[in-house]
Protein backbone atom coordinates (compact mmCIF):
# COMPACT_ATOMS: atom_id res chain seq x y z
CA UNK A 1 0.00 0.00 0.00
CA UNK A 2 1.46 3.31 -1.11
CA UNK A 3 1.74 5.78 1.72
CA UNK A 4 3.22 9.25 2.17
CA UNK A 5 3.29 11.11 5.47
CA UNK A 6 4.55 14.65 5.96
CA UNK A 7 6.06 16.03 9.15
CA UNK A 8 8.09 18.98 10.35
CA UNK A 9 5.57 21.76 10.06
CA UNK A 10 4.94 24.30 12.77
CA UNK A 11 4.96 27.93 13.73
CA UNK A 12 8.03 29.96 12.76
CA UNK A 13 8.86 33.65 12.70
CA UNK A 14 9.49 35.46 9.42
CA UNK A 15 13.04 34.83 8.29
CA UNK A 16 13.15 31.48 10.02
CA UNK A 17 13.64 28.00 8.60
CA UNK A 18 11.88 24.66 8.66
CA UNK A 19 12.64 21.31 7.11
CA UNK A 20 9.70 19.21 6.08
CA UNK A 21 9.99 15.46 5.73
CA UNK A 22 7.91 13.11 3.62
CA UNK A 23 8.22 9.51 4.76
CA UNK A 24 7.14 7.02 2.13
CA UNK A 25 6.29 3.34 2.11
CA UNK A 26 4.77 0.75 -0.14
CA UNK A 27 6.85 1.53 -3.21
CA UNK A 28 10.48 1.92 -4.30
CA UNK A 29 11.16 5.59 -3.71
CA UNK A 30 14.23 5.70 -5.96
CA UNK A 31 12.02 5.10 -9.01
CA UNK A 32 9.85 8.18 -8.51
CA UNK A 33 9.86 11.93 -8.60
CA UNK A 34 8.16 13.33 -5.52
CA UNK A 35 6.31 16.62 -5.60
CA UNK A 36 5.78 19.18 -2.86
CA UNK A 37 2.57 21.21 -3.00
CA UNK A 38 1.02 23.73 -0.69
CA UNK A 39 -2.44 25.16 -0.17
CA UNK A 40 -3.09 28.39 1.64
CA UNK A 41 -6.53 29.28 3.02
CA UNK A 42 -8.85 30.34 0.24
CA UNK A 43 -6.31 29.55 -2.48
CA UNK A 44 -5.76 26.72 -4.90
CA UNK A 45 -3.17 24.09 -4.28
CA UNK A 46 0.10 25.00 -5.97
CA UNK A 47 3.24 23.10 -6.87
CA UNK A 48 6.19 24.30 -4.80
CA UNK A 49 8.99 22.04 -6.03
CA UNK A 50 9.76 18.50 -7.08
CA UNK A 51 12.70 16.27 -6.32
CA UNK A 52 13.80 14.17 -9.26
CA UNK A 53 14.87 10.56 -9.22
CA UNK A 54 18.53 11.50 -9.22
CA UNK A 55 18.00 14.29 -6.72
CA UNK A 56 18.03 17.98 -7.48
CA UNK A 57 15.24 20.49 -7.66
CA UNK A 58 12.67 20.43 -10.41
CA UNK A 59 9.69 22.66 -11.11
CA UNK A 60 10.61 25.17 -8.44
CA UNK A 61 7.96 27.87 -8.07
CA UNK A 62 9.20 31.40 -8.67
CA UNK A 63 7.84 32.44 -5.29
CA UNK A 64 10.26 30.13 -3.46
CA UNK A 65 13.31 30.11 -5.72
CA UNK A 66 16.49 30.74 -3.79
CA UNK A 67 14.75 29.93 -0.50
CA UNK A 68 13.44 26.35 -0.76
CA UNK A 69 15.42 23.28 -1.78
CA UNK A 70 14.60 19.61 -2.02
CA UNK A 71 16.59 16.51 -1.20
CA UNK A 72 16.04 12.81 -0.81
CA UNK A 73 17.38 9.86 1.12
CA UNK A 74 16.16 6.84 -0.76
CA UNK A 75 17.73 4.43 1.74
CA UNK A 76 15.50 6.02 4.38
CA UNK A 77 12.47 6.27 2.06
CA UNK A 78 12.28 9.96 2.82
CA UNK A 79 12.33 13.20 0.87
CA UNK A 80 12.78 16.65 2.32
CA UNK A 81 11.84 20.24 1.67
CA UNK A 82 14.24 22.71 3.25
CA UNK A 83 12.57 26.09 3.62
CA UNK A 84 14.69 29.13 4.48
CA UNK A 85 13.92 32.80 4.88
CA UNK A 86 10.27 32.01 5.40
CA UNK A 87 7.69 34.69 4.76
CA UNK A 88 4.11 35.08 6.00
CA UNK A 89 2.88 34.26 2.51
CA UNK A 90 4.46 30.82 2.84
CA UNK A 91 1.79 29.96 5.40
CA UNK A 92 -0.06 26.93 4.08
CA UNK A 93 -0.63 23.23 4.45
CA UNK A 94 2.21 21.45 2.69
CA UNK A 95 1.73 18.12 0.96
CA UNK A 96 3.98 15.61 -0.73
CA UNK A 97 2.65 13.55 -3.58
CA UNK A 98 3.57 10.89 -6.09
CA UNK A 99 2.31 10.14 -9.55
CA UNK A 100 -0.78 7.97 -9.48
CA UNK A 101 -2.77 10.25 -7.22
CA UNK A 102 -1.01 9.49 -3.99
CA UNK A 103 -0.94 12.25 -1.39
CA UNK A 104 0.03 12.64 2.21
CA UNK A 105 -2.36 14.20 4.76
CA UNK A 106 -0.32 17.41 4.88
CA UNK A 107 1.53 19.39 7.53
CA UNK A 108 0.70 22.94 8.57
CA UNK A 109 3.32 25.66 8.24
CA UNK A 110 2.54 29.01 9.81
CA UNK A 111 4.89 31.96 9.42
CA UNK A 112 4.02 34.71 11.83
CA UNK A 113 5.58 37.01 14.37
C-alpha atoms as a PDB file:
ATOM      1  CA  UNK A   1       0.000   0.000   0.000  1.00  0.00           C
ATOM      2  CA  UNK A   2       1.461   3.305  -1.110  1.00  0.00           C
ATOM      3  CA  UNK A   3       1.736   5.776   1.724  1.00  0.00           C
ATOM      4  CA  UNK A   4       3.222   9.245   2.174  1.00  0.00           C
ATOM      5  CA  UNK A   5       3.287  11.114   5.472  1.00  0.00           C
ATOM      6  CA  UNK A   6       4.551  14.647   5.955  1.00  0.00           C
ATOM      7  CA  UNK A   7       6.063  16.029   9.147  1.00  0.00           C
ATOM      8  CA  UNK A   8       8.093  18.975  10.351  1.00  0.00           C
ATOM      9  CA  UNK A   9       5.573  21.757  10.056  1.00  0.00           C
ATOM     10  CA  UNK A  10       4.938  24.295  12.774  1.00  0.00           C
ATOM     11  CA  UNK A  11       4.963  27.927  13.730  1.00  0.00           C
ATOM     12  CA  UNK A  12       8.026  29.961  12.758  1.00  0.00           C
ATOM     13  CA  UNK A  13       8.859  33.650  12.696  1.00  0.00           C
ATOM     14  CA  UNK A  14       9.491  35.459   9.419  1.00  0.00           C
ATOM     15  CA  UNK A  15      13.036  34.826   8.288  1.00  0.00           C
ATOM     16  CA  UNK A  16      13.153  31.481  10.017  1.00  0.00           C
ATOM     17  CA  UNK A  17      13.643  28.003   8.602  1.00  0.00           C
ATOM     18  CA  UNK A  18      11.883  24.662   8.657  1.00  0.00           C
ATOM     19  CA  UNK A  19      12.636  21.306   7.109  1.00  0.00           C
ATOM     20  CA  UNK A  20       9.695  19.211   6.079  1.00  0.00           C
ATOM     21  CA  UNK A  21       9.985  15.458   5.729  1.00  0.00           C
ATOM     22  CA  UNK A  22       7.913  13.108   3.624  1.00  0.00           C
ATOM     23  CA  UNK A  23       8.219   9.512   4.757  1.00  0.00           C
ATOM     24  CA  UNK A  24       7.144   7.018   2.130  1.00  0.00           C
ATOM     25  CA  UNK A  25       6.288   3.345   2.115  1.00  0.00           C
ATOM     26  CA  UNK A  26       4.765   0.745  -0.140  1.00  0.00           C
ATOM     27  CA  UNK A  27       6.851   1.534  -3.206  1.00  0.00           C
ATOM     28  CA  UNK A  28      10.480   1.922  -4.299  1.00  0.00           C
ATOM     29  CA  UNK A  29      11.158   5.593  -3.708  1.00  0.00           C
ATOM     30  CA  UNK A  30      14.232   5.704  -5.958  1.00  0.00           C
ATOM     31  CA  UNK A  31      12.017   5.096  -9.007  1.00  0.00           C
ATOM     32  CA  UNK A  32       9.853   8.181  -8.511  1.00  0.00           C
ATOM     33  CA  UNK A  33       9.864  11.926  -8.605  1.00  0.00           C
ATOM     34  CA  UNK A  34       8.164  13.332  -5.519  1.00  0.00           C
ATOM     35  CA  UNK A  35       6.309  16.625  -5.598  1.00  0.00           C
ATOM     36  CA  UNK A  36       5.782  19.175  -2.857  1.00  0.00           C
ATOM     37  CA  UNK A  37       2.572  21.208  -2.997  1.00  0.00           C
ATOM     38  CA  UNK A  38       1.018  23.732  -0.686  1.00  0.00           C
ATOM     39  CA  UNK A  39      -2.438  25.160  -0.170  1.00  0.00           C
ATOM     40  CA  UNK A  40      -3.087  28.391   1.641  1.00  0.00           C
ATOM     41  CA  UNK A  41      -6.531  29.276   3.018  1.00  0.00           C
ATOM     42  CA  UNK A  42      -8.850  30.338   0.236  1.00  0.00           C
ATOM     43  CA  UNK A  43      -6.312  29.545  -2.477  1.00  0.00           C
ATOM     44  CA  UNK A  44      -5.764  26.725  -4.903  1.00  0.00           C
ATOM     45  CA  UNK A  45      -3.172  24.090  -4.279  1.00  0.00           C
ATOM     46  CA  UNK A  46       0.104  25.005  -5.971  1.00  0.00           C
ATOM     47  CA  UNK A  47       3.239  23.102  -6.874  1.00  0.00           C
ATOM     48  CA  UNK A  48       6.195  24.303  -4.798  1.00  0.00           C
ATOM     49  CA  UNK A  49       8.993  22.041  -6.033  1.00  0.00           C
ATOM     50  CA  UNK A  50       9.761  18.501  -7.082  1.00  0.00           C
ATOM     51  CA  UNK A  51      12.703  16.267  -6.322  1.00  0.00           C
ATOM     52  CA  UNK A  52      13.796  14.169  -9.263  1.00  0.00           C
ATOM     53  CA  UNK A  53      14.872  10.560  -9.220  1.00  0.00           C
ATOM     54  CA  UNK A  54      18.535  11.498  -9.216  1.00  0.00           C
ATOM     55  CA  UNK A  55      17.997  14.287  -6.722  1.00  0.00           C
ATOM     56  CA  UNK A  56      18.029  17.981  -7.485  1.00  0.00           C
ATOM     57  CA  UNK A  57      15.243  20.488  -7.656  1.00  0.00           C
ATOM     58  CA  UNK A  58      12.667  20.425 -10.408  1.00  0.00           C
ATOM     59  CA  UNK A  59       9.687  22.663 -11.110  1.00  0.00           C
ATOM     60  CA  UNK A  60      10.606  25.172  -8.437  1.00  0.00           C
ATOM     61  CA  UNK A  61       7.962  27.874  -8.072  1.00  0.00           C
ATOM     62  CA  UNK A  62       9.201  31.399  -8.670  1.00  0.00           C
ATOM     63  CA  UNK A  63       7.844  32.443  -5.290  1.00  0.00           C
ATOM     64  CA  UNK A  64      10.260  30.125  -3.459  1.00  0.00           C
ATOM     65  CA  UNK A  65      13.314  30.112  -5.715  1.00  0.00           C
ATOM     66  CA  UNK A  66      16.493  30.735  -3.785  1.00  0.00           C
ATOM     67  CA  UNK A  67      14.754  29.927  -0.498  1.00  0.00           C
ATOM     68  CA  UNK A  68      13.440  26.349  -0.762  1.00  0.00           C
ATOM     69  CA  UNK A  69      15.421  23.283  -1.784  1.00  0.00           C
ATOM     70  CA  UNK A  70      14.598  19.609  -2.017  1.00  0.00           C
ATOM     71  CA  UNK A  71      16.592  16.514  -1.198  1.00  0.00           C
ATOM     72  CA  UNK A  72      16.043  12.812  -0.809  1.00  0.00           C
ATOM     73  CA  UNK A  73      17.384   9.865   1.122  1.00  0.00           C
ATOM     74  CA  UNK A  74      16.165   6.839  -0.763  1.00  0.00           C
ATOM     75  CA  UNK A  75      17.725   4.432   1.744  1.00  0.00           C
ATOM     76  CA  UNK A  76      15.495   6.018   4.377  1.00  0.00           C
ATOM     77  CA  UNK A  77      12.471   6.266   2.058  1.00  0.00           C
ATOM     78  CA  UNK A  78      12.284   9.963   2.817  1.00  0.00           C
ATOM     79  CA  UNK A  79      12.330  13.200   0.875  1.00  0.00           C
ATOM     80  CA  UNK A  80      12.781  16.654   2.318  1.00  0.00           C
ATOM     81  CA  UNK A  81      11.844  20.235   1.671  1.00  0.00           C
ATOM     82  CA  UNK A  82      14.244  22.713   3.253  1.00  0.00           C
ATOM     83  CA  UNK A  83      12.571  26.093   3.623  1.00  0.00           C
ATOM     84  CA  UNK A  84      14.692  29.127   4.481  1.00  0.00           C
ATOM     85  CA  UNK A  85      13.923  32.803   4.878  1.00  0.00           C
ATOM     86  CA  UNK A  86      10.269  32.013   5.402  1.00  0.00           C
ATOM     87  CA  UNK A  87       7.694  34.689   4.756  1.00  0.00           C
ATOM     88  CA  UNK A  88       4.113  35.078   6.004  1.00  0.00           C
ATOM     89  CA  UNK A  89       2.881  34.261   2.505  1.00  0.00           C
ATOM     90  CA  UNK A  90       4.455  30.819   2.842  1.00  0.00           C
ATOM     91  CA  UNK A  91       1.791  29.957   5.399  1.00  0.00           C
ATOM     92  CA  UNK A  92      -0.064  26.930   4.079  1.00  0.00           C
ATOM     93  CA  UNK A  93      -0.635  23.235   4.445  1.00  0.00           C
ATOM     94  CA  UNK A  94       2.214  21.451   2.691  1.00  0.00           C
ATOM     95  CA  UNK A  95       1.730  18.116   0.957  1.00  0.00           C
ATOM     96  CA  UNK A  96       3.978  15.608  -0.728  1.00  0.00           C
ATOM     97  CA  UNK A  97       2.651  13.549  -3.580  1.00  0.00           C
ATOM     98  CA  UNK A  98       3.571  10.886  -6.089  1.00  0.00           C
ATOM     99  CA  UNK A  99       2.307  10.140  -9.550  1.00  0.00           C
ATOM    100  CA  UNK A 100      -0.779   7.969  -9.482  1.00  0.00           C
ATOM    101  CA  UNK A 101      -2.769  10.251  -7.223  1.00  0.00           C
ATOM    102  CA  UNK A 102      -1.011   9.490  -3.989  1.00  0.00           C
ATOM    103  CA  UNK A 103      -0.945  12.251  -1.391  1.00  0.00           C
ATOM    104  CA  UNK A 104       0.026  12.645   2.215  1.00  0.00           C
ATOM    105  CA  UNK A 105      -2.357  14.203   4.760  1.00  0.00           C
ATOM    106  CA  UNK A 106      -0.318  17.415   4.881  1.00  0.00           C
ATOM    107  CA  UNK A 107       1.532  19.389   7.532  1.00  0.00           C
ATOM    108  CA  UNK A 108       0.702  22.941   8.570  1.00  0.00           C
ATOM    109  CA  UNK A 109       3.321  25.661   8.236  1.00  0.00           C
ATOM    110  CA  UNK A 110       2.542  29.010   9.811  1.00  0.00           C
ATOM    111  CA  UNK A 111       4.892  31.957   9.423  1.00  0.00           C
ATOM    112  CA  UNK A 112       4.022  34.709  11.830  1.00  0.00           C
ATOM    113  CA  UNK A 113       5.585  37.010  14.374  1.00  0.00           C
END
